[in-house]
Amino acid sequence: MPHLLPCPGCGGSFPTVEGPTHRYLESSPGCWAAYGEVLAREYSDPAYARLHRLTVDAYSVQHPGRPGPQTIQSAAGHLVGLYLVLERGRSAAEATKAIGLLTRRKGQYVWLAPPNSMGAVTVANVQSAKSLAEHLGWVRKWAESAWKAWTAHHDTVRMWADQLADQPIKASGKRAKLQ
């Protein structure tokens, strides 16, 4: 059995491996490799990609990094993405458009102190899925767990999303608003 190492981001246990990590999302190389496997599965089969927006947002908010302009913007965007999909029932496309709008509003967000626990579900649970249904179920549970971990900041994230709702979003050649 391989030696397991806790990830400094999500806190999950992953095999001790040598390898790359993300430039600013703090993770262990084993966690980053697990995320890469999950992404490869989602990119190789559209059926697995149905909840890809949640995959990216859950991983990102569980690995917020350290305070800085890029990490502040990243955490804000991914938390807004989770909020819009999980609480407001918005589509992945709408959440992606909102995140795009948010990223153009540089310097308007603040660092949110990460929670002590990033949630009980991590990318390891999704990586272990043996079927499409299991994969999609774990992605949904993972996103809900990650969003719940940030409960102390939900009001701030909702406020940020409400501010974005007042901004027109270009969609398919038409002007649309997030509702």
N, C-alpha and C. Protein backbone atom coordinates (compact mmCIF):
# COMPACT_ATOMS: atom_id res chain seq x y z
N MET A 1 0.85 -1.18 0.00
CA MET A 1 0.00 0.00 0.00
C MET A 1 0.90 1.24 0.00
N PRO A 2 0.61 2.21 -0.88
CA PRO A 2 1.46 3.40 -0.94
C PRO A 2 1.31 4.29 0.29
N HIS A 3 2.36 5.00 0.57
CA HIS A 3 2.34 5.95 1.68
C HIS A 3 1.44 7.13 1.27
N LEU A 4 0.53 7.54 2.15
CA LEU A 4 -0.39 8.64 1.85
C LEU A 4 0.07 9.90 2.55
N LEU A 5 -0.14 11.01 1.88
CA LEU A 5 0.26 12.32 2.37
C LEU A 5 -0.97 13.23 2.33
N PRO A 6 -1.24 14.00 3.41
CA PRO A 6 -2.37 14.92 3.35
C PRO A 6 -2.08 16.09 2.41
N CYS A 7 -3.07 16.45 1.64
CA CYS A 7 -2.94 17.59 0.74
C CYS A 7 -3.07 18.87 1.58
N PRO A 8 -2.17 19.85 1.38
CA PRO A 8 -2.26 21.10 2.14
C PRO A 8 -3.48 21.95 1.77
N GLY A 9 -4.11 21.64 0.65
CA GLY A 9 -5.30 22.39 0.24
C GLY A 9 -6.56 21.77 0.80
N CYS A 10 -6.95 20.63 0.25
CA CYS A 10 -8.23 20.03 0.62
C CYS A 10 -8.17 19.18 1.87
N GLY A 11 -6.97 18.76 2.28
CA GLY A 11 -6.82 17.93 3.46
C GLY A 11 -7.00 16.45 3.19
N GLY A 12 -7.34 16.07 1.95
CA GLY A 12 -7.50 14.66 1.61
C GLY A 12 -6.16 13.94 1.62
N SER A 13 -6.21 12.62 1.68
CA SER A 13 -5.01 11.80 1.67
C SER A 13 -4.75 11.26 0.27
N PHE A 14 -3.52 11.45 -0.20
CA PHE A 14 -3.15 11.05 -1.55
C PHE A 14 -1.79 10.37 -1.53
N PRO A 15 -1.53 9.49 -2.49
CA PRO A 15 -0.23 8.84 -2.55
C PRO A 15 0.89 9.88 -2.64
N THR A 16 1.99 9.56 -1.97
CA THR A 16 3.17 10.42 -2.03
C THR A 16 3.84 10.19 -3.38
N VAL A 17 3.79 11.18 -4.22
CA VAL A 17 4.41 11.08 -5.55
C VAL A 17 5.20 12.35 -5.82
N GLU A 18 6.14 12.23 -6.71
CA GLU A 18 6.85 13.40 -7.20
C GLU A 18 6.08 13.89 -8.42
N GLY A 19 6.00 15.18 -8.58
CA GLY A 19 5.32 15.68 -9.76
C GLY A 19 4.92 17.12 -9.60
N PRO A 20 4.33 17.66 -10.64
CA PRO A 20 3.95 19.08 -10.64
C PRO A 20 2.72 19.34 -9.79
N THR A 21 2.53 20.60 -9.50
CA THR A 21 1.31 21.10 -8.87
C THR A 21 0.93 22.37 -9.63
N HIS A 22 -0.20 22.92 -9.29
CA HIS A 22 -0.65 24.17 -9.91
C HIS A 22 0.21 25.33 -9.41
N ARG A 23 0.30 26.35 -10.21
CA ARG A 23 1.11 27.52 -9.89
C ARG A 23 0.64 28.24 -8.63
N TYR A 24 -0.67 28.37 -8.41
CA TYR A 24 -1.15 29.08 -7.23
C TYR A 24 -2.22 28.36 -6.42
N LEU A 25 -2.80 27.30 -6.94
CA LEU A 25 -3.74 26.49 -6.16
C LEU A 25 -2.89 25.50 -5.37
N GLU A 26 -2.81 25.69 -4.06
CA GLU A 26 -1.94 24.84 -3.24
C GLU A 26 -2.49 23.43 -3.11
N SER A 27 -1.70 22.47 -3.53
CA SER A 27 -2.07 21.06 -3.41
C SER A 27 -0.81 20.22 -3.32
N SER A 28 -1.01 18.96 -2.96
CA SER A 28 0.10 18.00 -3.02
C SER A 28 0.19 17.50 -4.45
N PRO A 29 1.36 17.02 -4.86
CA PRO A 29 1.45 16.44 -6.21
C PRO A 29 0.47 15.28 -6.43
N GLY A 30 0.21 14.48 -5.39
CA GLY A 30 -0.74 13.38 -5.53
C GLY A 30 -2.17 13.86 -5.76
N CYS A 31 -2.55 14.91 -5.08
CA CYS A 31 -3.88 15.50 -5.26
C CYS A 31 -4.01 16.10 -6.66
N TRP A 32 -2.98 16.82 -7.08
CA TRP A 32 -2.99 17.43 -8.41
C TRP A 32 -3.08 16.35 -9.49
N ALA A 33 -2.38 15.24 -9.30
CA ALA A 33 -2.44 14.13 -10.25
C ALA A 33 -3.85 13.52 -10.29
N ALA A 34 -4.47 13.37 -9.12
CA ALA A 34 -5.84 12.84 -9.07
C ALA A 34 -6.79 13.76 -9.83
N TYR A 35 -6.63 15.06 -9.65
CA TYR A 35 -7.47 16.03 -10.36
C TYR A 35 -7.24 15.89 -11.87
N GLY A 36 -6.00 15.72 -12.27
CA GLY A 36 -5.70 15.53 -13.69
C GLY A 36 -6.40 14.31 -14.27
N GLU A 37 -6.46 13.23 -13.49
CA GLU A 37 -7.16 12.03 -13.95
C GLU A 37 -8.67 12.28 -14.09
N VAL A 38 -9.23 13.00 -13.15
CA VAL A 38 -10.66 13.32 -13.23
C VAL A 38 -10.93 14.21 -14.44
N LEU A 39 -10.07 15.21 -14.66
CA LEU A 39 -10.25 16.08 -15.83
C LEU A 39 -10.13 15.28 -17.13
N ALA A 40 -9.16 14.38 -17.19
CA ALA A 40 -8.98 13.56 -18.40
C ALA A 40 -10.24 12.74 -18.68
N ARG A 41 -10.84 12.18 -17.64
CA ARG A 41 -12.08 11.42 -17.80
C ARG A 41 -13.18 12.33 -18.35
N GLU A 42 -13.29 13.53 -17.78
CA GLU A 42 -14.35 14.45 -18.22
C GLU A 42 -14.11 14.99 -19.63
N TYR A 43 -12.87 15.23 -19.98
CA TYR A 43 -12.58 15.73 -21.32
C TYR A 43 -12.70 14.65 -22.39
N SER A 44 -12.57 13.38 -22.00
CA SER A 44 -12.60 12.31 -22.99
C SER A 44 -14.01 11.80 -23.29
N ASP A 45 -14.99 12.17 -22.47
CA ASP A 45 -16.34 11.68 -22.67
C ASP A 45 -17.34 12.75 -22.25
N PRO A 46 -18.11 13.29 -23.20
CA PRO A 46 -19.06 14.35 -22.86
C PRO A 46 -20.05 13.97 -21.76
N ALA A 47 -20.38 12.71 -21.63
CA ALA A 47 -21.31 12.29 -20.58
C ALA A 47 -20.71 12.58 -19.20
N TYR A 48 -19.41 12.38 -19.05
CA TYR A 48 -18.74 12.65 -17.78
C TYR A 48 -18.58 14.15 -17.56
N ALA A 49 -18.58 14.92 -18.63
CA ALA A 49 -18.33 16.36 -18.53
C ALA A 49 -19.57 17.17 -18.14
N ARG A 50 -20.71 16.53 -17.98
CA ARG A 50 -21.94 17.27 -17.67
C ARG A 50 -21.83 18.18 -16.46
N LEU A 51 -21.03 17.76 -15.48
CA LEU A 51 -20.88 18.56 -14.26
C LEU A 51 -19.47 19.15 -14.15
N HIS A 52 -18.81 19.31 -15.28
CA HIS A 52 -17.43 19.81 -15.29
C HIS A 52 -17.29 21.16 -14.57
N ARG A 53 -18.25 22.05 -14.74
CA ARG A 53 -18.20 23.35 -14.05
C ARG A 53 -18.05 23.12 -12.54
N LEU A 54 -18.81 22.18 -11.99
CA LEU A 54 -18.72 21.89 -10.56
C LEU A 54 -17.38 21.28 -10.19
N THR A 55 -16.83 20.45 -11.06
CA THR A 55 -15.51 19.84 -10.81
C THR A 55 -14.46 20.93 -10.65
N VAL A 56 -14.41 21.85 -11.59
CA VAL A 56 -13.41 22.92 -11.55
C VAL A 56 -13.61 23.82 -10.34
N ASP A 57 -14.85 24.19 -10.08
CA ASP A 57 -15.12 25.09 -8.95
C ASP A 57 -14.82 24.42 -7.61
N ALA A 58 -15.22 23.16 -7.45
CA ALA A 58 -14.98 22.46 -6.18
C ALA A 58 -13.48 22.33 -5.92
N TYR A 59 -12.73 21.91 -6.93
CA TYR A 59 -11.28 21.76 -6.74
C TYR A 59 -10.66 23.11 -6.39
N SER A 60 -11.03 24.12 -7.09
CA SER A 60 -10.42 25.44 -6.89
C SER A 60 -10.70 26.01 -5.51
N VAL A 61 -11.93 25.88 -5.01
CA VAL A 61 -12.22 26.45 -3.69
C VAL A 61 -11.65 25.60 -2.56
N GLN A 62 -11.35 24.34 -2.85
CA GLN A 62 -10.69 23.53 -1.83
C GLN A 62 -9.17 23.75 -1.82
N HIS A 63 -8.66 24.49 -2.79
CA HIS A 63 -7.23 24.75 -2.91
C HIS A 63 -7.02 26.24 -3.20
N PRO A 64 -7.47 27.12 -2.29
CA PRO A 64 -7.47 28.56 -2.60
C PRO A 64 -6.10 29.22 -2.68
N GLY A 65 -5.07 28.59 -2.18
CA GLY A 65 -3.75 29.20 -2.22
C GLY A 65 -3.57 30.23 -1.11
N ARG A 66 -2.72 31.19 -1.37
CA ARG A 66 -2.40 32.23 -0.39
C ARG A 66 -2.91 33.58 -0.90
N PRO A 67 -3.18 34.53 0.01
CA PRO A 67 -3.73 35.81 -0.41
C PRO A 67 -2.86 36.51 -1.46
N GLY A 68 -3.51 36.95 -2.51
CA GLY A 68 -2.88 37.70 -3.58
C GLY A 68 -3.94 38.02 -4.62
N PRO A 69 -3.69 38.98 -5.50
CA PRO A 69 -4.71 39.38 -6.46
C PRO A 69 -5.29 38.22 -7.28
N GLN A 70 -4.44 37.32 -7.76
CA GLN A 70 -4.93 36.22 -8.58
C GLN A 70 -5.73 35.20 -7.78
N THR A 71 -5.27 34.88 -6.58
CA THR A 71 -5.99 33.90 -5.76
C THR A 71 -7.29 34.47 -5.21
N ILE A 72 -7.31 35.75 -4.92
CA ILE A 72 -8.55 36.40 -4.47
C ILE A 72 -9.60 36.31 -5.58
N GLN A 73 -9.19 36.66 -6.80
CA GLN A 73 -10.10 36.62 -7.95
C GLN A 73 -10.56 35.19 -8.23
N SER A 74 -9.64 34.24 -8.15
CA SER A 74 -9.96 32.85 -8.41
C SER A 74 -10.99 32.32 -7.41
N ALA A 75 -10.71 32.50 -6.13
CA ALA A 75 -11.64 32.01 -5.10
C ALA A 75 -13.01 32.67 -5.25
N ALA A 76 -13.03 33.97 -5.49
CA ALA A 76 -14.30 34.67 -5.65
C ALA A 76 -15.09 34.09 -6.82
N GLY A 77 -14.44 33.91 -7.95
CA GLY A 77 -15.12 33.39 -9.13
C GLY A 77 -15.65 31.99 -8.94
N HIS A 78 -14.83 31.12 -8.37
CA HIS A 78 -15.26 29.73 -8.21
C HIS A 78 -16.33 29.58 -7.13
N LEU A 79 -16.27 30.41 -6.11
CA LEU A 79 -17.35 30.38 -5.10
C LEU A 79 -18.66 30.89 -5.71
N VAL A 80 -18.59 31.94 -6.51
CA VAL A 80 -19.79 32.43 -7.20
C VAL A 80 -20.33 31.35 -8.13
N GLY A 81 -19.44 30.64 -8.82
CA GLY A 81 -19.87 29.55 -9.70
C GLY A 81 -20.64 28.48 -8.93
N LEU A 82 -20.11 28.05 -7.79
CA LEU A 82 -20.80 27.06 -6.97
C LEU A 82 -22.15 27.57 -6.50
N TYR A 83 -22.18 28.81 -6.04
CA TYR A 83 -23.43 29.41 -5.56
C TYR A 83 -24.49 29.41 -6.67
N LEU A 84 -24.10 29.89 -7.85
CA LEU A 84 -25.08 30.02 -8.93
C LEU A 84 -25.66 28.66 -9.35
N VAL A 85 -24.81 27.65 -9.42
CA VAL A 85 -25.29 26.34 -9.85
C VAL A 85 -26.04 25.62 -8.72
N LEU A 86 -25.46 25.60 -7.53
CA LEU A 86 -26.04 24.81 -6.43
C LEU A 86 -27.24 25.46 -5.77
N GLU A 87 -27.18 26.77 -5.55
CA GLU A 87 -28.29 27.43 -4.84
C GLU A 87 -29.29 28.10 -5.76
N ARG A 88 -28.82 28.63 -6.86
CA ARG A 88 -29.71 29.36 -7.76
C ARG A 88 -30.20 28.51 -8.93
N GLY A 89 -29.65 27.32 -9.07
CA GLY A 89 -30.09 26.43 -10.16
C GLY A 89 -29.69 26.91 -11.54
N ARG A 90 -28.67 27.72 -11.62
CA ARG A 90 -28.22 28.23 -12.91
C ARG A 90 -27.45 27.16 -13.67
N SER A 91 -27.40 27.31 -14.96
CA SER A 91 -26.66 26.36 -15.79
C SER A 91 -25.16 26.61 -15.67
N ALA A 92 -24.40 25.62 -16.10
CA ALA A 92 -22.94 25.78 -16.12
C ALA A 92 -22.55 26.94 -17.03
N ALA A 93 -23.24 27.09 -18.14
CA ALA A 93 -22.93 28.19 -19.07
C ALA A 93 -23.16 29.54 -18.41
N GLU A 94 -24.25 29.67 -17.67
CA GLU A 94 -24.52 30.94 -16.98
C GLU A 94 -23.47 31.21 -15.91
N ALA A 95 -23.08 30.18 -15.18
CA ALA A 95 -22.05 30.35 -14.15
C ALA A 95 -20.73 30.75 -14.79
N THR A 96 -20.40 30.13 -15.90
CA THR A 96 -19.14 30.45 -16.59
C THR A 96 -19.15 31.89 -17.08
N LYS A 97 -20.27 32.35 -17.60
CA LYS A 97 -20.38 33.75 -18.05
C LYS A 97 -20.23 34.71 -16.87
N ALA A 98 -20.83 34.37 -15.74
CA ALA A 98 -20.71 35.22 -14.55
C ALA A 98 -19.26 35.27 -14.08
N ILE A 99 -18.59 34.13 -14.08
CA ILE A 99 -17.18 34.10 -13.67
C ILE A 99 -16.34 34.95 -14.61
N GLY A 100 -16.63 34.89 -15.89
CA GLY A 100 -15.93 35.73 -16.86
C GLY A 100 -16.13 37.21 -16.57
N LEU A 101 -17.33 37.58 -16.24
CA LEU A 101 -17.61 38.97 -15.89
C LEU A 101 -16.88 39.35 -14.61
N LEU A 102 -16.89 38.47 -13.64
CA LEU A 102 -16.21 38.73 -12.38
C LEU A 102 -14.71 38.97 -12.60
N THR A 103 -14.11 38.20 -13.47
CA THR A 103 -12.66 38.34 -13.68
C THR A 103 -12.30 39.67 -14.33
N ARG A 104 -13.24 40.30 -14.96
CA ARG A 104 -12.96 41.63 -15.54
C ARG A 104 -13.07 42.75 -14.51
N ARG A 105 -13.54 42.42 -13.32
CA ARG A 105 -13.69 43.42 -12.25
C ARG A 105 -12.53 43.29 -11.28
N LYS A 106 -11.35 43.53 -11.78
CA LYS A 106 -10.11 43.36 -10.99
C LYS A 106 -10.11 44.27 -9.77
N GLY A 107 -9.62 43.72 -8.67
CA GLY A 107 -9.46 44.51 -7.45
C GLY A 107 -10.73 44.81 -6.68
N GLN A 108 -11.85 44.23 -7.08
CA GLN A 108 -13.12 44.53 -6.41
C GLN A 108 -13.52 43.49 -5.37
N TYR A 109 -12.66 42.49 -5.16
CA TYR A 109 -12.98 41.42 -4.24
C TYR A 109 -11.92 41.35 -3.15
N VAL A 110 -12.26 40.72 -2.05
CA VAL A 110 -11.34 40.62 -0.91
C VAL A 110 -11.04 39.15 -0.64
N TRP A 111 -9.93 38.93 0.04
CA TRP A 111 -9.55 37.58 0.45
C TRP A 111 -10.53 37.10 1.51
N LEU A 112 -11.06 35.94 1.31
CA LEU A 112 -11.93 35.30 2.29
C LEU A 112 -11.09 34.25 3.00
N ALA A 113 -10.99 34.35 4.31
CA ALA A 113 -10.19 33.38 5.06
C ALA A 113 -10.75 31.98 4.81
N PRO A 114 -9.93 31.07 4.32
CA PRO A 114 -10.43 29.72 4.05
C PRO A 114 -10.90 29.02 5.33
N PRO A 115 -11.87 28.14 5.20
CA PRO A 115 -12.35 27.40 6.37
C PRO A 115 -11.28 26.44 6.88
N ASN A 116 -11.41 26.04 8.13
CA ASN A 116 -10.46 25.07 8.69
C ASN A 116 -10.57 23.73 8.00
N SER A 117 -11.77 23.33 7.63
CA SER A 117 -12.00 22.09 6.89
C SER A 117 -12.59 22.46 5.54
N MET A 118 -12.05 21.88 4.50
CA MET A 118 -12.53 22.16 3.14
C MET A 118 -13.68 21.25 2.72
N GLY A 119 -14.16 20.42 3.64
CA GLY A 119 -15.26 19.52 3.34
C GLY A 119 -14.80 18.07 3.37
N ALA A 120 -15.74 17.18 3.58
CA ALA A 120 -15.43 15.76 3.72
C ALA A 120 -15.18 15.05 2.39
N VAL A 121 -15.65 15.63 1.31
CA VAL A 121 -15.51 15.01 -0.01
C VAL A 121 -14.42 15.74 -0.78
N THR A 122 -13.54 14.95 -1.41
CA THR A 122 -12.45 15.55 -2.19
C THR A 122 -12.40 14.92 -3.58
N VAL A 123 -11.46 15.36 -4.36
CA VAL A 123 -11.25 14.81 -5.69
C VAL A 123 -10.97 13.31 -5.63
N ALA A 124 -10.43 12.82 -4.52
CA ALA A 124 -10.17 11.38 -4.39
C ALA A 124 -11.45 10.57 -4.51
N ASN A 125 -12.55 11.07 -3.98
CA ASN A 125 -13.83 10.37 -4.09
C ASN A 125 -14.26 10.27 -5.55
N VAL A 126 -14.11 11.36 -6.28
CA VAL A 126 -14.50 11.36 -7.70
C VAL A 126 -13.58 10.45 -8.49
N GLN A 127 -12.29 10.51 -8.20
CA GLN A 127 -11.31 9.68 -8.90
C GLN A 127 -11.64 8.19 -8.73
N SER A 128 -12.18 7.81 -7.59
CA SER A 128 -12.46 6.40 -7.32
C SER A 128 -13.73 5.89 -8.00
N ALA A 129 -14.51 6.76 -8.64
CA ALA A 129 -15.77 6.36 -9.27
C ALA A 129 -15.52 5.31 -10.34
N LYS A 130 -16.39 4.32 -10.38
CA LYS A 130 -16.26 3.20 -11.33
C LYS A 130 -17.27 3.25 -12.47
N SER A 131 -18.19 4.23 -12.43
CA SER A 131 -19.20 4.33 -13.48
C SER A 131 -19.56 5.80 -13.69
N LEU A 132 -20.27 6.05 -14.75
CA LEU A 132 -20.74 7.41 -15.03
C LEU A 132 -21.62 7.92 -13.90
N ALA A 133 -22.59 7.13 -13.49
CA ALA A 133 -23.51 7.56 -12.43
C ALA A 133 -22.75 7.84 -11.14
N GLU A 134 -21.81 7.00 -10.82
CA GLU A 134 -21.02 7.21 -9.60
C GLU A 134 -20.18 8.48 -9.72
N HIS A 135 -19.57 8.69 -10.87
CA HIS A 135 -18.77 9.90 -11.09
C HIS A 135 -19.62 11.15 -10.90
N LEU A 136 -20.75 11.19 -11.58
CA LEU A 136 -21.62 12.37 -11.48
C LEU A 136 -22.14 12.57 -10.06
N GLY A 137 -22.46 11.48 -9.39
CA GLY A 137 -22.92 11.58 -8.00
C GLY A 137 -21.84 12.15 -7.09
N TRP A 138 -20.60 11.66 -7.25
CA TRP A 138 -19.51 12.18 -6.42
C TRP A 138 -19.19 13.64 -6.74
N VAL A 139 -19.27 14.02 -8.01
CA VAL A 139 -19.01 15.43 -8.35
C VAL A 139 -20.03 16.33 -7.65
N ARG A 140 -21.28 15.94 -7.69
CA ARG A 140 -22.34 16.73 -7.04
C ARG A 140 -22.10 16.80 -5.52
N LYS A 141 -21.80 15.67 -4.90
CA LYS A 141 -21.53 15.65 -3.45
C LYS A 141 -20.29 16.48 -3.12
N TRP A 142 -19.28 16.39 -3.96
CA TRP A 142 -18.04 17.14 -3.77
C TRP A 142 -18.31 18.64 -3.81
N ALA A 143 -19.03 19.08 -4.82
CA ALA A 143 -19.35 20.50 -4.95
C ALA A 143 -20.17 20.99 -3.75
N GLU A 144 -21.16 20.21 -3.35
CA GLU A 144 -21.98 20.59 -2.19
C GLU A 144 -21.14 20.65 -0.91
N SER A 145 -20.24 19.71 -0.74
CA SER A 145 -19.36 19.67 0.43
C SER A 145 -18.42 20.88 0.45
N ALA A 146 -17.84 21.19 -0.71
CA ALA A 146 -16.93 22.33 -0.81
C ALA A 146 -17.67 23.64 -0.55
N TRP A 147 -18.86 23.78 -1.13
CA TRP A 147 -19.66 25.00 -0.93
C TRP A 147 -20.04 25.14 0.55
N LYS A 148 -20.48 24.05 1.16
CA LYS A 148 -20.87 24.09 2.57
C LYS A 148 -19.69 24.48 3.47
N ALA A 149 -18.50 24.04 3.11
CA ALA A 149 -17.31 24.38 3.91
C ALA A 149 -17.12 25.89 4.04
N TRP A 150 -17.53 26.62 3.04
CA TRP A 150 -17.36 28.08 3.01
C TRP A 150 -18.57 28.82 3.58
N THR A 151 -19.41 28.16 4.36
CA THR A 151 -20.65 28.73 4.90
C THR A 151 -20.44 30.11 5.52
N ALA A 152 -19.36 30.32 6.23
CA ALA A 152 -19.11 31.61 6.89
C ALA A 152 -19.07 32.77 5.90
N HIS A 153 -18.82 32.48 4.64
CA HIS A 153 -18.70 33.53 3.62
C HIS A 153 -19.85 33.54 2.60
N HIS A 154 -20.87 32.73 2.83
CA HIS A 154 -21.96 32.65 1.86
C HIS A 154 -22.62 34.00 1.60
N ASP A 155 -22.84 34.80 2.62
CA ASP A 155 -23.49 36.10 2.41
C ASP A 155 -22.65 36.99 1.50
N THR A 156 -21.33 36.96 1.67
CA THR A 156 -20.44 37.76 0.81
C THR A 156 -20.51 37.27 -0.62
N VAL A 157 -20.46 35.96 -0.81
CA VAL A 157 -20.52 35.39 -2.16
C VAL A 157 -21.85 35.71 -2.82
N ARG A 158 -22.93 35.62 -2.08
CA ARG A 158 -24.25 35.96 -2.63
C ARG A 158 -24.29 37.43 -3.05
N MET A 159 -23.70 38.31 -2.24
CA MET A 159 -23.65 39.73 -2.58
C MET A 159 -22.87 39.94 -3.88
N TRP A 160 -21.74 39.27 -4.01
CA TRP A 160 -20.95 39.40 -5.24
C TRP A 160 -21.76 38.93 -6.45
N ALA A 161 -22.46 37.81 -6.31
CA ALA A 161 -23.28 37.30 -7.41
C ALA A 161 -24.41 38.27 -7.74
N ASP A 162 -25.03 38.86 -6.72
CA ASP A 162 -26.09 39.84 -6.95
C ASP A 162 -25.57 41.06 -7.69
N GLN A 163 -24.36 41.50 -7.37
CA GLN A 163 -23.75 42.63 -8.08
C GLN A 163 -23.54 42.29 -9.55
N LEU A 164 -23.15 41.06 -9.82
CA LEU A 164 -22.95 40.62 -11.20
C LEU A 164 -24.27 40.54 -11.95
N ALA A 165 -25.34 40.20 -11.25
CA ALA A 165 -26.65 40.07 -11.89
C ALA A 165 -27.13 41.39 -12.47
N ASP A 166 -26.60 42.50 -11.94
CA ASP A 166 -26.97 43.81 -12.45
C ASP A 166 -26.18 44.20 -13.70
N GLN A 167 -25.23 43.37 -14.08
CA GLN A 167 -24.39 43.66 -15.24
C GLN A 167 -24.84 42.81 -16.42
N PRO A 168 -25.03 43.43 -17.59
CA PRO A 168 -25.40 42.63 -18.76
C PRO A 168 -24.29 41.64 -19.11
N ILE A 169 -24.68 40.46 -19.54
CA ILE A 169 -23.73 39.44 -19.95
C ILE A 169 -24.03 39.10 -21.41
N LYS A 170 -23.02 39.18 -22.24
CA LYS A 170 -23.19 38.86 -23.65
C LYS A 170 -23.36 37.35 -23.78
N ALA A 171 -24.46 36.93 -24.36
CA ALA A 171 -24.72 35.50 -24.53
C ALA A 171 -25.27 35.25 -25.93
N SER A 172 -24.55 34.48 -26.71
CA SER A 172 -25.02 34.09 -28.05
C SER A 172 -25.48 35.28 -28.87
N GLY A 173 -24.73 36.36 -28.84
CA GLY A 173 -25.09 37.52 -29.62
C GLY A 173 -26.20 38.36 -29.04
N LYS A 174 -26.80 37.95 -27.92
CA LYS A 174 -27.87 38.71 -27.28
C LYS A 174 -27.38 39.21 -25.93
N ARG A 175 -28.03 40.21 -25.40
CA ARG A 175 -27.73 40.68 -24.06
C ARG A 175 -28.61 39.91 -23.09
N ALA A 176 -28.00 39.32 -22.10
CA ALA A 176 -28.76 38.55 -21.12
C ALA A 176 -28.32 38.93 -19.74
N LYS A 177 -29.15 38.67 -18.77
CA LYS A 177 -28.80 38.91 -17.37
C LYS A 177 -28.90 37.62 -16.60
N LEU A 178 -28.03 37.50 -15.63
CA LEU A 178 -28.20 36.38 -14.68
C LEU A 178 -29.38 36.72 -13.82
N GLN A 179 -30.21 35.77 -13.52
CA GLN A 179 -31.37 36.03 -12.68
C GLN A 179 -31.28 35.23 -11.42
